[in-house]
Amino acid sequence: MGEKTIIQRLNIIKGQITGLTNLIEKKENCRKVTGQLYAVNVAIKKVIELYLQENLTSCLKTIDFKEKEAINFILKEIIKNE
């Protein structure tokens, strides 16, 4: 897995978001909307996981204390929402 895979997944998510926007604009069934929200959420979490697997070590080597605090906060939020 690499950058190409992450970009491909993000492009799929763009399509999902567009579809989700259309569902909401058309006032579609709540079950359809929540199903798509769930799918987008899972897809985003997978992209985060892939990105961190590929880049976390290099990211942490180059950040200052404030950036590290921000990253720690984001990681805690991601873990909390699983």
C-alpha atoms as a PDB file:
ATOM      1  CA  MET A   1       0.000   0.000   0.000  1.00  0.00           C
ATOM      2  CA  GLY A   2       1.247   3.430  -0.728  1.00  0.00           C
ATOM      3  CA  GLU A   3       0.365   6.933  -1.686  1.00  0.00           C
ATOM      4  CA  LYS A   4      -1.400   5.769  -4.859  1.00  0.00           C
ATOM      5  CA  THR A   5      -3.718   3.520  -2.843  1.00  0.00           C
ATOM      6  CA  ILE A   6      -4.506   6.296  -0.381  1.00  0.00           C
ATOM      7  CA  ILE A   7      -5.315   8.710  -3.211  1.00  0.00           C
ATOM      8  CA  GLN A   8      -7.511   6.094  -4.898  1.00  0.00           C
ATOM      9  CA  ARG A   9      -9.422   5.563  -1.666  1.00  0.00           C
ATOM     10  CA  LEU A  10      -9.836   9.326  -1.193  1.00  0.00           C
ATOM     11  CA  ASN A  11     -11.254   9.596  -4.709  1.00  0.00           C
ATOM     12  CA  ILE A  12     -13.743   6.845  -3.877  1.00  0.00           C
ATOM     13  CA  ILE A  13     -14.705   8.757  -0.736  1.00  0.00           C
ATOM     14  CA  LYS A  14     -15.267  11.882  -2.855  1.00  0.00           C
ATOM     15  CA  GLY A  15     -17.771   9.892  -4.886  1.00  0.00           C
ATOM     16  CA  GLN A  16     -19.428   8.590  -1.733  1.00  0.00           C
ATOM     17  CA  ILE A  17     -19.728  12.145  -0.385  1.00  0.00           C
ATOM     18  CA  THR A  18     -21.292  13.324  -3.651  1.00  0.00           C
ATOM     19  CA  GLY A  19     -23.768  10.443  -3.494  1.00  0.00           C
ATOM     20  CA  LEU A  20     -24.505  11.209   0.132  1.00  0.00           C
ATOM     21  CA  THR A  21     -25.100  14.876  -0.677  1.00  0.00           C
ATOM     22  CA  ASN A  22     -27.566  13.841  -3.392  1.00  0.00           C
ATOM     23  CA  LEU A  23     -29.397  11.515  -1.001  1.00  0.00           C
ATOM     24  CA  ILE A  24     -29.789  14.291   1.556  1.00  0.00           C
ATOM     25  CA  GLU A  25     -30.852  16.854  -1.055  1.00  0.00           C
ATOM     26  CA  LYS A  26     -33.498  14.426  -2.350  1.00  0.00           C
ATOM     27  CA  LYS A  27     -34.633  13.760   1.223  1.00  0.00           C
ATOM     28  CA  GLU A  28     -34.092  10.038   0.780  1.00  0.00           C
ATOM     29  CA  ASN A  29     -34.927   7.426   3.341  1.00  0.00           C
ATOM     30  CA  CYS A  30     -33.068   7.844   6.636  1.00  0.00           C
ATOM     31  CA  ARG A  31     -31.776   4.265   6.449  1.00  0.00           C
ATOM     32  CA  LYS A  32     -30.099   4.952   3.084  1.00  0.00           C
ATOM     33  CA  VAL A  33     -28.508   8.149   4.389  1.00  0.00           C
ATOM     34  CA  THR A  34     -27.236   6.610   7.609  1.00  0.00           C
ATOM     35  CA  GLY A  35     -25.915   3.609   5.694  1.00  0.00           C
ATOM     36  CA  GLN A  36     -23.908   5.910   3.455  1.00  0.00           C
ATOM     37  CA  LEU A  37     -22.722   7.981   6.423  1.00  0.00           C
ATOM     38  CA  TYR A  38     -21.473   4.777   8.011  1.00  0.00           C
ATOM     39  CA  ALA A  39     -19.711   3.727   4.800  1.00  0.00           C
ATOM     40  CA  VAL A  40     -17.974   7.106   4.495  1.00  0.00           C
ATOM     41  CA  ASN A  41     -16.934   6.959   8.145  1.00  0.00           C
ATOM     42  CA  VAL A  42     -15.421   3.476   7.724  1.00  0.00           C
ATOM     43  CA  ALA A  43     -13.659   4.527   4.521  1.00  0.00           C
ATOM     44  CA  ILE A  44     -12.138   7.615   6.139  1.00  0.00           C
ATOM     45  CA  LYS A  45     -10.931   5.610   9.127  1.00  0.00           C
ATOM     46  CA  LYS A  46      -9.264   3.148   6.742  1.00  0.00           C
ATOM     47  CA  VAL A  47      -7.492   5.990   4.918  1.00  0.00           C
ATOM     48  CA  ILE A  48      -6.294   7.377   8.247  1.00  0.00           C
ATOM     49  CA  GLU A  49      -5.008   3.941   9.225  1.00  0.00           C
ATOM     50  CA  LEU A  50      -3.193   3.476   5.909  1.00  0.00           C
ATOM     51  CA  TYR A  51      -1.732   6.976   6.008  1.00  0.00           C
ATOM     52  CA  LEU A  52      -0.452   6.520   9.540  1.00  0.00           C
ATOM     53  CA  GLN A  53       1.028   3.112   8.733  1.00  0.00           C
ATOM     54  CA  GLU A  54       2.955   4.675   5.873  1.00  0.00           C
ATOM     55  CA  ASN A  55       3.894   8.019   7.413  1.00  0.00           C
ATOM     56  CA  LEU A  56       3.684   8.102  11.198  1.00  0.00           C
ATOM     57  CA  THR A  57       7.360   7.494  11.858  1.00  0.00           C
ATOM     58  CA  SER A  58       8.525  10.188   9.463  1.00  0.00           C
ATOM     59  CA  CYS A  59       5.835  12.607  10.681  1.00  0.00           C
ATOM     60  CA  LEU A  60       6.860  12.259  14.303  1.00  0.00           C
ATOM     61  CA  LYS A  61      10.544  12.815  13.556  1.00  0.00           C
ATOM     62  CA  THR A  62       9.971  16.285  12.120  1.00  0.00           C
ATOM     63  CA  ILE A  63       7.343  17.853  14.380  1.00  0.00           C
ATOM     64  CA  ASP A  64       7.677  20.270  17.257  1.00  0.00           C
ATOM     65  CA  PHE A  65       5.951  19.975  20.637  1.00  0.00           C
ATOM     66  CA  LYS A  66       2.757  21.859  19.656  1.00  0.00           C
ATOM     67  CA  GLU A  67       2.330  19.731  16.530  1.00  0.00           C
ATOM     68  CA  LYS A  68       2.886  16.584  18.588  1.00  0.00           C
ATOM     69  CA  GLU A  69       0.140  17.674  21.005  1.00  0.00           C
ATOM     70  CA  ALA A  70      -2.237  18.233  18.082  1.00  0.00           C
ATOM     71  CA  ILE A  71      -1.426  14.831  16.578  1.00  0.00           C
ATOM     72  CA  ASN A  72      -1.903  13.140  19.964  1.00  0.00           C
ATOM     73  CA  PHE A  73      -5.308  14.821  20.319  1.00  0.00           C
ATOM     74  CA  ILE A  74      -6.369  13.677  16.840  1.00  0.00           C
ATOM     75  CA  LEU A  75      -5.167  10.115  17.447  1.00  0.00           C
ATOM     76  CA  LYS A  76      -7.084   9.950  20.744  1.00  0.00           C
ATOM     77  CA  GLU A  77     -10.239  11.145  18.980  1.00  0.00           C
ATOM     78  CA  ILE A  78      -9.809   8.548  16.243  1.00  0.00           C
ATOM     79  CA  ILE A  79      -9.321   5.751  18.747  1.00  0.00           C
ATOM     80  CA  LYS A  80     -12.206   6.956  20.921  1.00  0.00           C
ATOM     81  CA  ASN A  81     -14.637   6.933  17.972  1.00  0.00           C
ATOM     82  CA  GLU A  82     -13.976   3.380  16.796  1.00  0.00           C
END
